[in-house]
Amino acid sequence: MKTLEHIQRAQELLARGQEELAEAALSDAIDAAVAAEDLVLLTRARMALGEMMFEQGRHEEAVPFLQAVVRTEIADGSVDSEVKRSAHLLRRIRGIEP
């Protein structure tokens, strides 16, 4: 299964309330993106996993994924929205933003 398919599967699982399986699918997406050396999909998979953990109140677990997204730089701007969203979530975790 390719990275995008893992991400889509995770979204479907989350919609059905199967959070543990969704987390596993996102971990698989990260592994697939690393294997494919696809930085854009890797960033999107990390963002999805970090955001899911954040929403579950698992802030400390979310931080490494969100920080990895914030550190991502792609000149064409293809992950700018993920970088901005991740930075916002990190500020919320740190209590800087409500």
C-alpha atoms as a PDB file:
ATOM      1  CA  MET A   1       0.000   0.000   0.000  1.00  0.00           C
ATOM      2  CA  LYS A   2       1.305   3.431  -0.886  1.00  0.00           C
ATOM      3  CA  THR A   3       1.565   6.396   1.427  1.00  0.00           C
ATOM      4  CA  LEU A   4      -1.543   8.178   0.181  1.00  0.00           C
ATOM      5  CA  GLU A   5      -3.593   4.992   0.499  1.00  0.00           C
ATOM      6  CA  HIS A   6      -2.471   4.614   4.120  1.00  0.00           C
ATOM      7  CA  ILE A   7      -3.447   8.213   4.848  1.00  0.00           C
ATOM      8  CA  GLN A   8      -6.866   7.741   3.233  1.00  0.00           C
ATOM      9  CA  ARG A   9      -7.386   4.502   5.152  1.00  0.00           C
ATOM     10  CA  ALA A  10      -6.525   6.304   8.396  1.00  0.00           C
ATOM     11  CA  GLN A  11      -9.110   8.991   7.633  1.00  0.00           C
ATOM     12  CA  GLU A  12     -11.752   6.317   7.011  1.00  0.00           C
ATOM     13  CA  LEU A  13     -10.845   4.545  10.249  1.00  0.00           C
ATOM     14  CA  LEU A  14     -11.006   7.805  12.210  1.00  0.00           C
ATOM     15  CA  ALA A  15     -14.439   8.514  10.757  1.00  0.00           C
ATOM     16  CA  ARG A  16     -15.562   5.145  12.151  1.00  0.00           C
ATOM     17  CA  GLY A  17     -14.003   5.860  15.538  1.00  0.00           C
ATOM     18  CA  GLN A  18     -11.230   3.293  15.169  1.00  0.00           C
ATOM     19  CA  GLU A  19      -8.442   5.495  16.451  1.00  0.00           C
ATOM     20  CA  GLU A  20      -5.895   2.770  17.218  1.00  0.00           C
ATOM     21  CA  LEU A  21      -6.153   1.346  13.715  1.00  0.00           C
ATOM     22  CA  ALA A  22      -5.979   4.854  12.253  1.00  0.00           C
ATOM     23  CA  GLU A  23      -2.794   5.493  14.209  1.00  0.00           C
ATOM     24  CA  ALA A  24      -1.299   2.272  12.847  1.00  0.00           C
ATOM     25  CA  ALA A  25      -2.262   3.275   9.305  1.00  0.00           C
ATOM     26  CA  LEU A  26      -0.579   6.656   9.752  1.00  0.00           C
ATOM     27  CA  SER A  27       2.553   4.984  11.086  1.00  0.00           C
ATOM     28  CA  ASP A  28       2.509   2.792   7.978  1.00  0.00           C
ATOM     29  CA  ALA A  29       2.084   5.932   5.856  1.00  0.00           C
ATOM     30  CA  ILE A  30       5.170   7.457   7.456  1.00  0.00           C
ATOM     31  CA  ASP A  31       7.168   4.276   6.802  1.00  0.00           C
ATOM     32  CA  ALA A  32       5.994   4.158   3.184  1.00  0.00           C
ATOM     33  CA  ALA A  33       6.877   7.817   2.614  1.00  0.00           C
ATOM     34  CA  VAL A  34      10.346   7.285   4.073  1.00  0.00           C
ATOM     35  CA  ALA A  35      10.863   4.240   1.853  1.00  0.00           C
ATOM     36  CA  ALA A  36       9.687   6.208  -1.200  1.00  0.00           C
ATOM     37  CA  GLU A  37      11.769   9.239  -0.149  1.00  0.00           C
ATOM     38  CA  ASP A  38       8.680  11.420  -0.605  1.00  0.00           C
ATOM     39  CA  LEU A  39       9.099  14.446   1.668  1.00  0.00           C
ATOM     40  CA  VAL A  40       5.704  15.946   0.827  1.00  0.00           C
ATOM     41  CA  LEU A  41       3.752  12.818   1.769  1.00  0.00           C
ATOM     42  CA  LEU A  42       6.007  12.230   4.759  1.00  0.00           C
ATOM     43  CA  THR A  43       5.158  15.713   5.997  1.00  0.00           C
ATOM     44  CA  ARG A  44       1.436  15.163   5.432  1.00  0.00           C
ATOM     45  CA  ALA A  45       1.491  11.810   7.239  1.00  0.00           C
ATOM     46  CA  ARG A  46       3.401  13.291  10.187  1.00  0.00           C
ATOM     47  CA  MET A  47       0.936  16.179  10.323  1.00  0.00           C
ATOM     48  CA  ALA A  48      -2.043  13.842  10.289  1.00  0.00           C
ATOM     49  CA  LEU A  49      -0.589  11.721  13.088  1.00  0.00           C
ATOM     50  CA  GLY A  50       0.466  14.720  15.174  1.00  0.00           C
ATOM     51  CA  GLU A  51      -2.913  16.385  14.741  1.00  0.00           C
ATOM     52  CA  MET A  52      -4.766  13.189  15.661  1.00  0.00           C
ATOM     53  CA  MET A  53      -2.691  12.841  18.831  1.00  0.00           C
ATOM     54  CA  PHE A  54      -3.254  16.503  19.656  1.00  0.00           C
ATOM     55  CA  GLU A  55      -7.008  16.106  19.291  1.00  0.00           C
ATOM     56  CA  GLN A  56      -6.886  13.072  21.575  1.00  0.00           C
ATOM     57  CA  GLY A  57      -5.132  15.145  24.241  1.00  0.00           C
ATOM     58  CA  ARG A  58      -1.865  13.243  23.740  1.00  0.00           C
ATOM     59  CA  HIS A  59       0.122  16.446  23.420  1.00  0.00           C
ATOM     60  CA  GLU A  60       3.529  15.145  24.490  1.00  0.00           C
ATOM     61  CA  GLU A  61       3.310  12.325  21.944  1.00  0.00           C
ATOM     62  CA  ALA A  62       2.224  14.770  19.233  1.00  0.00           C
ATOM     63  CA  VAL A  63       5.120  17.181  19.744  1.00  0.00           C
ATOM     64  CA  PRO A  64       7.856  15.220  17.872  1.00  0.00           C
ATOM     65  CA  PHE A  65       5.622  14.774  14.815  1.00  0.00           C
ATOM     66  CA  LEU A  66       4.524  18.412  14.823  1.00  0.00           C
ATOM     67  CA  GLN A  67       8.110  19.615  15.289  1.00  0.00           C
ATOM     68  CA  ALA A  68       9.236  17.486  12.339  1.00  0.00           C
ATOM     69  CA  VAL A  69       6.564  19.151  10.205  1.00  0.00           C
ATOM     70  CA  VAL A  70       7.605  22.654  11.306  1.00  0.00           C
ATOM     71  CA  ARG A  71      11.216  21.908  10.347  1.00  0.00           C
ATOM     72  CA  THR A  72      10.208  20.864   6.823  1.00  0.00           C
ATOM     73  CA  GLU A  73      11.182  23.256   4.072  1.00  0.00           C
ATOM     74  CA  ILE A  74      10.086  22.696   0.509  1.00  0.00           C
ATOM     75  CA  ALA A  75      10.733  25.601  -1.838  1.00  0.00           C
ATOM     76  CA  ASP A  76       7.584  25.160  -3.940  1.00  0.00           C
ATOM     77  CA  GLY A  77       5.337  25.731  -0.925  1.00  0.00           C
ATOM     78  CA  SER A  78       3.609  22.369  -1.208  1.00  0.00           C
ATOM     79  CA  VAL A  79       3.531  21.822   2.573  1.00  0.00           C
ATOM     80  CA  ASP A  80       3.190  25.421   3.751  1.00  0.00           C
ATOM     81  CA  SER A  81      -0.316  24.825   5.112  1.00  0.00           C
ATOM     82  CA  GLU A  82       0.880  21.814   7.121  1.00  0.00           C
ATOM     83  CA  VAL A  83       3.828  23.792   8.496  1.00  0.00           C
ATOM     84  CA  LYS A  84       1.554  26.662   9.562  1.00  0.00           C
ATOM     85  CA  ARG A  85      -1.029  24.341  11.134  1.00  0.00           C
ATOM     86  CA  SER A  86       1.689  22.424  12.977  1.00  0.00           C
ATOM     87  CA  ALA A  87       3.218  25.639  14.330  1.00  0.00           C
ATOM     88  CA  HIS A  88      -0.227  26.710  15.539  1.00  0.00           C
ATOM     89  CA  LEU A  89      -0.771  23.404  17.364  1.00  0.00           C
ATOM     90  CA  LEU A  90       2.675  23.615  18.964  1.00  0.00           C
ATOM     91  CA  ARG A  91       1.896  27.120  20.224  1.00  0.00           C
ATOM     92  CA  ARG A  92      -1.355  25.816  21.696  1.00  0.00           C
ATOM     93  CA  ILE A  93       0.483  22.973  23.418  1.00  0.00           C
ATOM     94  CA  ARG A  94       2.931  25.475  24.903  1.00  0.00           C
ATOM     95  CA  GLY A  95       0.046  27.680  26.055  1.00  0.00           C
ATOM     96  CA  ILE A  96       1.039  30.568  23.816  1.00  0.00           C
ATOM     97  CA  GLU A  97      -2.267  30.539  21.919  1.00  0.00           C
ATOM     98  CA  PRO A  98      -5.720  29.581  23.179  1.00  0.00           C
END
